[in-house]
Protein backbone atom coordinates (compact mmCIF):
# COMPACT_ATOMS: atom_id res chain seq x y z
CA MET A 1 -15.18 -58.41 0.36
CA ILE A 2 -16.97 -57.54 -2.92
CA ARG A 3 -16.77 -57.96 -6.52
CA ASN A 4 -18.65 -59.73 -9.18
CA CYS A 5 -16.60 -62.51 -8.21
CA PHE A 6 -16.87 -63.66 -4.50
CA ASN A 7 -15.78 -62.71 -1.23
CA VAL A 8 -15.21 -63.24 2.09
CA VAL A 9 -15.76 -60.74 5.02
CA LEU A 10 -15.35 -61.88 8.56
CA VAL A 11 -17.12 -59.16 11.19
CA ILE A 12 -15.31 -59.68 14.43
CA SER A 13 -16.93 -59.31 17.64
CA LEU A 14 -14.85 -57.69 19.96
CA ILE A 15 -15.17 -59.80 23.01
CA VAL A 16 -12.45 -62.42 23.75
CA HIS A 17 -12.26 -64.95 26.43
CA ASN A 18 -9.02 -65.98 27.59
CA PHE A 19 -8.31 -69.84 26.50
CA THR A 20 -5.21 -71.92 26.68
CA THR A 21 -4.75 -74.97 24.63
CA ILE A 22 -1.70 -77.11 23.52
CA LEU A 23 -3.37 -78.15 20.35
CA ALA A 24 -0.75 -78.14 17.46
CA LEU A 25 -2.80 -77.11 14.53
CA GLN A 26 -3.44 -73.50 15.51
CA CYS A 27 -2.67 -69.78 14.55
CA LYS A 28 0.77 -68.76 15.94
CA GLY A 29 1.84 -65.58 17.49
CA GLU A 30 5.11 -63.65 17.16
CA ASN A 31 7.07 -66.18 19.36
CA ASN A 32 5.51 -69.45 17.81
CA GLN A 33 3.01 -69.29 20.85
CA ASP A 34 -0.59 -70.80 20.05
CA VAL A 35 -2.98 -67.90 19.70
CA ASP A 36 -7.02 -68.16 19.24
CA TRP A 37 -6.75 -65.47 16.52
CA PHE A 38 -4.42 -62.94 14.87
CA VAL A 39 -4.59 -59.93 12.67
CA ILE A 40 -1.62 -58.83 10.10
CA TYR A 41 -1.19 -55.68 8.42
CA LYS A 42 1.83 -55.99 6.15
CA ILE A 43 3.07 -52.24 5.65
CA PRO A 44 3.89 -50.98 1.93
CA LYS A 45 7.13 -50.77 0.57
CA LEU A 46 8.35 -47.29 1.42
CA PRO A 47 11.76 -46.66 0.00
CA LYS A 48 12.22 -43.18 2.09
CA SER A 49 11.65 -44.92 5.49
CA ASN A 50 14.49 -45.23 8.25
CA ASN A 51 13.33 -48.64 9.12
CA VAL A 52 14.89 -51.32 7.09
CA LEU A 53 12.29 -53.58 6.79
CA ILE A 54 9.59 -50.88 5.85
CA LYS A 55 12.07 -49.89 3.15
CA GLU A 56 12.47 -53.34 1.87
CA GLY A 57 8.57 -53.97 2.03
CA VAL A 58 8.70 -56.84 4.34
CA ALA A 59 7.56 -55.09 7.93
CA TYR A 60 4.27 -55.82 9.51
CA LEU A 61 2.03 -54.92 12.23
CA TYR A 62 0.15 -57.24 14.47
CA MET A 63 -2.25 -57.92 17.09
CA ASP A 64 -3.57 -61.29 18.37
CA SER A 65 -6.21 -62.69 21.04
CA SER A 66 -3.38 -62.22 23.76
CA ASN A 67 -2.40 -58.76 23.08
CA TYR A 68 -5.00 -57.06 21.45
CA LYS A 69 -5.92 -54.60 24.34
CA SER A 70 -2.54 -52.89 23.49
CA GLY A 71 -3.60 -52.43 19.93
CA TRP A 72 -1.17 -52.71 16.96
CA THR A 73 2.43 -54.14 17.73
CA LEU A 74 5.39 -53.27 15.07
CA SER A 75 7.31 -56.59 14.71
CA GLU A 76 11.26 -56.87 14.55
CA LYS A 77 10.55 -59.44 12.36
CA ASP A 78 10.89 -59.73 8.60
CA ILE A 79 7.68 -61.49 7.13
CA SER A 80 9.62 -63.42 4.57
CA LYS A 81 11.77 -65.14 7.01
CA ASN A 82 10.77 -68.42 8.95
CA ASP A 83 10.54 -66.94 12.69
CA SER A 84 7.78 -64.47 11.15
CA ILE A 85 4.07 -65.20 12.40
CA PRO A 86 2.82 -66.39 8.63
CA ALA A 87 5.69 -68.89 8.81
CA TYR A 88 4.98 -70.23 12.11
CA THR A 89 1.40 -70.63 11.44
CA LEU A 90 1.69 -72.34 7.83
CA SER A 91 4.55 -74.45 8.92
CA PRO A 92 2.27 -77.70 9.09
CA PHE A 93 1.54 -77.25 5.38
CA TYR A 94 5.65 -77.99 4.99
CA ASP A 95 5.63 -80.76 7.63
CA ASP A 96 5.30 -83.70 5.20
CA LYS A 97 4.07 -86.17 8.37
CA THR A 98 1.28 -83.50 9.46
CA ALA A 99 0.30 -82.51 5.98
CA ILE A 100 0.17 -86.03 4.43
CA ASP A 101 -2.52 -86.64 7.60
CA SER A 102 -4.34 -83.46 7.55
CA LEU A 103 -7.24 -82.28 5.28
CA TRP A 104 -6.47 -78.87 3.72
CA ILE A 105 -6.79 -76.37 0.91
CA LEU A 106 -4.74 -73.64 -0.33
CA TYR A 107 -6.51 -71.40 -2.70
CA ASN A 108 -5.65 -68.09 -4.62
CA ASP A 109 -6.88 -66.54 -7.55
CA GLN A 110 -3.32 -65.41 -8.33
CA PRO A 111 -1.60 -68.98 -7.49
CA PRO A 112 2.15 -69.15 -7.24
CA ASN A 113 3.91 -70.08 -10.27
CA GLN A 114 0.78 -70.12 -12.48
CA PRO A 115 -0.85 -67.24 -14.48
CA ALA A 116 -3.69 -65.42 -12.67
CA ARG A 117 -7.28 -66.83 -12.91
CA LEU A 118 -9.69 -64.27 -14.56
CA ILE A 119 -12.93 -66.38 -13.73
CA ASN A 120 -14.56 -67.54 -10.36
CA GLY A 121 -13.48 -66.10 -6.78
CA HIS A 122 -11.11 -63.09 -6.03
CA ALA A 123 -10.03 -65.29 -3.00
CA LYS A 124 -6.89 -66.20 -1.28
CA GLY A 125 -6.23 -68.31 1.84
CA ALA A 126 -5.43 -71.69 3.32
CA ILE A 127 -7.56 -73.92 5.54
CA ILE A 128 -6.23 -76.83 7.44
CA THR A 129 -7.73 -79.51 10.05
CA ASN A 130 -6.68 -82.72 11.58
CA GLY A 131 -9.92 -83.56 12.46
CA LYS A 132 -10.05 -82.12 15.77
CA GLU A 133 -8.78 -78.57 15.28
CA GLY A 134 -7.05 -76.55 12.96
CA PHE A 135 -7.28 -72.85 11.51
CA TRP A 136 -8.51 -70.89 8.56
CA LEU A 137 -6.11 -68.06 7.35
CA ILE A 138 -7.42 -65.39 4.90
CA HIS A 139 -5.20 -62.87 3.00
CA SER A 140 -4.55 -60.55 0.36
CA VAL A 141 -1.16 -61.80 -0.93
CA PRO A 142 -0.83 -62.91 -4.60
CA ASN A 143 1.29 -65.91 -5.18
CA PHE A 144 1.14 -67.18 -1.52
CA PRO A 145 1.55 -69.54 0.00
CA PRO A 146 4.15 -71.68 -1.70
CA GLN A 147 3.24 -75.09 -2.94
CA PRO A 148 4.08 -77.65 -0.25
CA ASN A 149 5.76 -81.13 -1.17
CA THR A 150 2.65 -82.94 -0.38
CA GLY A 151 -0.90 -82.93 -1.75
CA GLU A 152 -2.38 -82.99 -5.25
CA ASP A 153 -1.50 -79.78 -7.81
CA VAL A 154 -5.14 -79.12 -8.69
CA LEU A 155 -3.97 -76.76 -11.78
CA LYS A 156 -1.48 -78.55 -13.54
CA SER A 157 -3.94 -80.01 -15.85
CA LYS A 158 -6.60 -77.54 -15.87
CA ASN A 159 -7.37 -75.30 -18.65
CA ASP A 160 -9.18 -72.22 -17.01
CA LYS A 161 -9.25 -68.97 -18.61
CA VAL A 162 -5.98 -67.23 -17.33
CA GLU A 163 -4.09 -64.29 -18.07
CA SER A 164 -0.81 -64.50 -19.98
CA ALA A 165 2.39 -65.30 -17.86
CA ALA A 166 3.45 -61.72 -18.59
CA GLN A 167 0.10 -60.20 -17.52
CA ALA A 168 0.01 -62.16 -14.33
CA GLY A 169 3.38 -61.60 -13.32
CA ALA A 170 3.98 -65.26 -12.99
CA LYS A 171 7.54 -66.42 -11.60
CA ASP A 172 9.11 -69.21 -10.50
CA TYR A 173 8.67 -69.17 -6.68
CA PRO A 174 10.16 -71.81 -4.33
CA THR A 175 8.10 -74.69 -3.46
CA GLY A 176 8.32 -77.03 -0.43
CA GLY A 177 8.74 -74.52 2.22
CA TYR A 178 7.87 -70.88 3.57
CA SER A 179 8.77 -68.18 1.68
CA TYR A 180 7.07 -64.80 0.95
CA PRO A 181 6.61 -63.53 -2.77
CA SER A 182 8.15 -60.25 -4.16
CA SER A 183 4.84 -59.66 -5.60
CA GLY A 184 3.58 -59.19 -2.05
CA ARG A 185 6.10 -56.34 -1.25
CA ALA A 186 5.42 -53.36 -2.94
CA ASN A 187 1.67 -52.62 -1.34
CA GLY A 188 0.09 -53.34 1.90
CA GLN A 189 -1.48 -56.65 2.76
CA SER A 190 -3.95 -58.23 4.97
CA PHE A 191 -3.99 -61.39 7.17
CA LEU A 192 -6.74 -62.38 9.53
CA CYS A 193 -6.09 -66.30 11.00
CA ILE A 194 -9.00 -67.94 13.25
CA SER A 195 -8.23 -71.10 15.50
CA THR A 196 -11.55 -73.19 15.37
CA ASN A 197 -12.60 -76.58 16.27
CA GLU A 198 -13.89 -79.40 14.30
CA ASP A 199 -17.50 -78.17 14.30
CA SER A 200 -16.53 -75.13 12.34
CA PHE A 201 -15.20 -76.47 9.12
CA ASN A 202 -18.11 -77.66 7.12
CA SER A 203 -19.73 -74.10 7.86
CA ILE A 204 -16.52 -72.63 6.54
CA GLY A 205 -16.56 -75.02 3.85
CA LYS A 206 -19.91 -73.66 2.74
CA GLN A 207 -18.41 -70.17 2.51
CA LEU A 208 -15.63 -71.15 0.34
CA ILE A 209 -18.19 -72.87 -1.95
CA TYR A 210 -20.00 -69.23 -2.39
CA ASN A 211 -16.74 -67.77 -2.85
CA GLN A 212 -15.89 -69.91 -5.72
CA ILE A 213 -12.30 -70.36 -4.59
CA ILE A 214 -9.38 -71.43 -6.88
CA VAL A 215 -7.89 -74.26 -5.37
CA TYR A 216 -4.18 -74.85 -6.46
CA ARG A 217 -3.21 -77.37 -3.91
CA ARG A 218 -5.22 -79.74 -1.64
CA ASN A 219 -5.06 -82.91 0.34
CA VAL A 220 -8.15 -85.02 1.08
CA PRO A 221 -7.15 -88.10 3.62
CA ASN A 222 -9.84 -90.70 3.02
CA ARG A 223 -10.09 -90.90 6.88
CA LEU A 224 -11.93 -87.25 6.96
CA THR A 225 -13.99 -87.53 3.87
CA SER A 226 -17.25 -88.41 5.79
CA LYS A 227 -16.61 -86.13 8.64
CA PHE A 228 -16.16 -82.97 6.61
CA THR A 229 -18.15 -83.43 3.51
CA THR A 230 -18.68 -79.65 2.70
CA LEU A 231 -15.21 -78.77 3.32
CA VAL A 232 -14.25 -81.77 1.01
CA GLU A 233 -16.81 -80.31 -1.50
CA ALA A 234 -14.99 -76.93 -1.52
CA ALA A 235 -11.53 -78.63 -1.76
CA LYS A 236 -13.15 -80.18 -5.15
CA GLN A 237 -14.38 -76.64 -6.24
CA VAL A 238 -18.02 -77.09 -6.22
CA ARG A 239 -20.07 -74.48 -6.83
CA VAL A 240 -23.54 -73.07 -6.19
CA ASN A 241 -25.91 -73.44 -8.91
CA SER A 242 -29.39 -72.17 -7.64
CA PRO A 243 -30.28 -69.23 -5.80
CA PRO A 244 -29.71 -67.87 -2.98
CA TYR A 245 -26.07 -66.90 -4.39
CA TYR A 246 -25.02 -65.10 -1.41
CA HIS A 247 -24.77 -66.72 2.43
CA MET A 248 -23.74 -65.46 6.00
CA VAL A 249 -22.71 -67.95 8.86
CA ASN A 250 -21.72 -67.39 12.42
CA PHE A 251 -18.86 -69.54 13.81
CA TYR A 252 -16.69 -69.61 16.85
CA SER A 253 -12.90 -69.61 17.44
CA LYS A 254 -11.46 -72.11 19.80
CA SER A 255 -11.67 -69.80 22.65
CA GLY A 256 -15.53 -69.04 21.98
CA MET A 257 -15.09 -65.66 19.85
CA LYS A 258 -17.94 -65.28 17.52
CA PHE A 259 -17.15 -64.40 13.82
CA THR A 260 -19.70 -63.72 10.92
CA SER A 261 -18.74 -64.73 7.63
CA PHE A 262 -20.18 -63.13 4.38
CA ALA A 263 -19.87 -64.95 0.82
CA LYS A 264 -21.27 -64.34 -2.54
CA SER A 265 -21.03 -66.16 -5.77
CA SER A 266 -20.44 -63.89 -9.04
CA LYS A 267 -24.02 -64.96 -10.00
CA TRP A 268 -25.26 -62.60 -7.01
CA ASP A 269 -24.32 -59.23 -8.81
CA LYS A 270 -24.21 -56.94 -6.03
CA ASP A 271 -21.73 -55.39 -3.94
CA LEU A 272 -21.20 -57.49 -0.70
CA TYR A 273 -20.18 -54.17 1.36
CA ASP A 274 -23.18 -52.23 0.41
CA ASP A 275 -25.58 -54.81 -0.34
CA PHE A 276 -25.13 -57.42 2.46
CA VAL A 277 -22.66 -56.38 5.19
CA ALA A 278 -23.85 -52.73 5.99
CA PRO A 279 -27.71 -53.71 5.61
CA GLN A 280 -26.98 -56.56 7.71
CA PHE A 281 -25.96 -54.69 10.58
CA ASN A 282 -27.55 -51.28 9.89
CA THR A 283 -24.38 -49.54 10.12
CA ASP A 284 -22.26 -47.21 8.01
CA LEU A 285 -18.75 -48.70 6.84
CA TYR A 286 -15.35 -47.25 6.17
CA THR A 287 -13.58 -49.34 3.23
CA GLU A 288 -10.12 -50.10 2.54
CA THR A 289 -9.44 -52.35 -0.72
CA TRP A 290 -7.64 -52.27 -3.82
CA MET A 291 -8.66 -49.27 -5.91
CA ASN A 292 -6.21 -49.52 -8.70
CA GLY A 293 -8.00 -52.23 -10.63
CA ARG A 294 -11.16 -52.24 -13.01
CA GLY A 295 -14.54 -51.51 -12.17
CA LYS A 296 -13.78 -49.71 -8.62
CA LEU A 297 -16.92 -48.55 -6.79
CA PRO A 298 -17.38 -44.88 -5.53
CA THR A 299 -18.44 -44.17 -2.10
CA ASP A 300 -22.24 -44.78 -1.91
CA CYS A 301 -24.62 -42.74 0.47
CA ASN A 302 -27.81 -44.53 0.29
CA SER A 303 -29.52 -45.73 3.31
CA THR A 304 -26.14 -46.98 5.00
CA LYS A 305 -23.26 -45.10 3.81
CA VAL A 306 -20.26 -47.06 2.48
CA MET A 307 -17.14 -44.98 2.19
CA ASN A 308 -13.92 -45.65 0.47
CA ILE A 309 -10.81 -44.57 2.52
CA LYS A 310 -8.42 -42.71 0.59
CA SER A 311 -5.54 -42.65 2.90
CA ILE A 312 -3.95 -44.39 5.96
CA SER A 313 -1.99 -43.47 8.82
CA LEU A 314 -0.49 -46.15 11.35
CA SER A 315 0.89 -44.47 14.10
CA LYS A 316 2.60 -47.61 15.88
CA ALA A 317 4.58 -47.54 12.71
CA GLN A 318 4.96 -43.68 12.23
CA ILE A 319 4.06 -43.95 8.77
CA SER A 320 1.24 -42.70 6.26
CA PHE A 321 0.34 -43.86 2.57
CA ASN A 322 -2.26 -43.82 0.10
CA SER A 323 -4.91 -46.47 -0.42
CA THR A 324 -3.54 -46.79 -3.97
CA HIS A 325 -0.58 -48.47 -2.19
CA ASP A 326 -2.50 -50.78 -0.33
CA HIS A 327 -3.81 -54.26 -1.25
CA SER A 328 -5.34 -55.36 1.79
CA LYS A 329 -8.72 -55.89 2.25
CA TRP A 330 -10.82 -54.57 5.44
CA ALA A 331 -13.67 -52.21 6.65
CA ILE A 332 -14.59 -50.99 9.82
CA SER A 333 -17.89 -49.63 11.24
CA ALA A 334 -18.51 -45.84 10.77
CA ASN A 335 -20.64 -45.24 13.84
CA ASP A 336 -20.91 -46.31 17.54
CA LYS A 337 -23.82 -48.54 17.33
CA TYR A 338 -21.53 -51.78 16.47
CA SER A 339 -17.96 -51.98 17.04
CA LEU A 340 -17.17 -54.09 13.52
CA VAL A 341 -14.11 -55.12 12.02
CA CYS A 342 -14.10 -56.78 8.65
CA ILE A 343 -11.45 -58.23 7.03
CA GLY A 344 -11.36 -60.57 3.96
CA ASP A 345 -9.93 -60.83 0.34
CA ILE A 346 -12.55 -58.87 -1.85
CA ASN A 347 -12.07 -55.72 -3.50
CA ARG A 348 -14.97 -53.24 -3.69
CA ALA A 349 -15.27 -53.55 -7.53
CA VAL A 350 -17.45 -54.66 -10.47
CA SER A 351 -15.68 -56.99 -13.00
């Protein structure tokens, strides 16, 4: 959620309304059921764990709109397999008939089978709509999700400033179906998926424009271009060229849960958490972002405190680990004034 690049932080209001839907393009739960939203915490690879999935770096905790009151649940599934929550959710991208007829974007500053991009947004995600409904998935995983068979390979002929293949750890990851990359196993990772209706997609598209997303695959059917003009601009990697270089928007999930998205361009040379999120809600924040990279920001104790988390304990998985083993991106309010949970894809760093 911050860095000279971009950032998206979603502030989750903790009020959920019950709603049942039969629409196909939606976030999925542990049993492939439709859910309004879900959050996943992929656990770091811990070689000394007695849990085989944790030991191999493919275990995850989850909560969704149907079970959040019970807190985290430790999945018995392998995140790299086709019966995991991310696999169920992303399956429309790999169903050629559905994918061809839908408007969608896959974006990642560390795209699969490509060197990492050094400019534009530090942003990772997937968004899809069939014109009526769909979902937005924000995550922290490099080289993910895999390239589908359909759509346009956007980076094939681009000459962006990139790292060398060796620096970027570029590998030959599978295409045309779901898989989970080896690059996402060692460290903790985060996912937030929000099911939403047609009214939200242009608002989300505007945030993606501010975020300067690096699109590696897209599909823009003619029948949807006039309806989702801003989302199409995001797919075409339109950039913000005049102030203000930051933007906040409220939007709603299918069941009416309110989300607030914070986004910024690299031209707004400020910290998203410290200078945007915390002041907006006048609350202190605890933040967990990647602290192993360049330009990490220290804890800030000005008018609103933004404090870096050093270690994490997950009681449902009976594990603890240092933030140096965590690539997830999240923040929580540090006082009782607001119950805020922020999940995104940007680090608390200067670059």
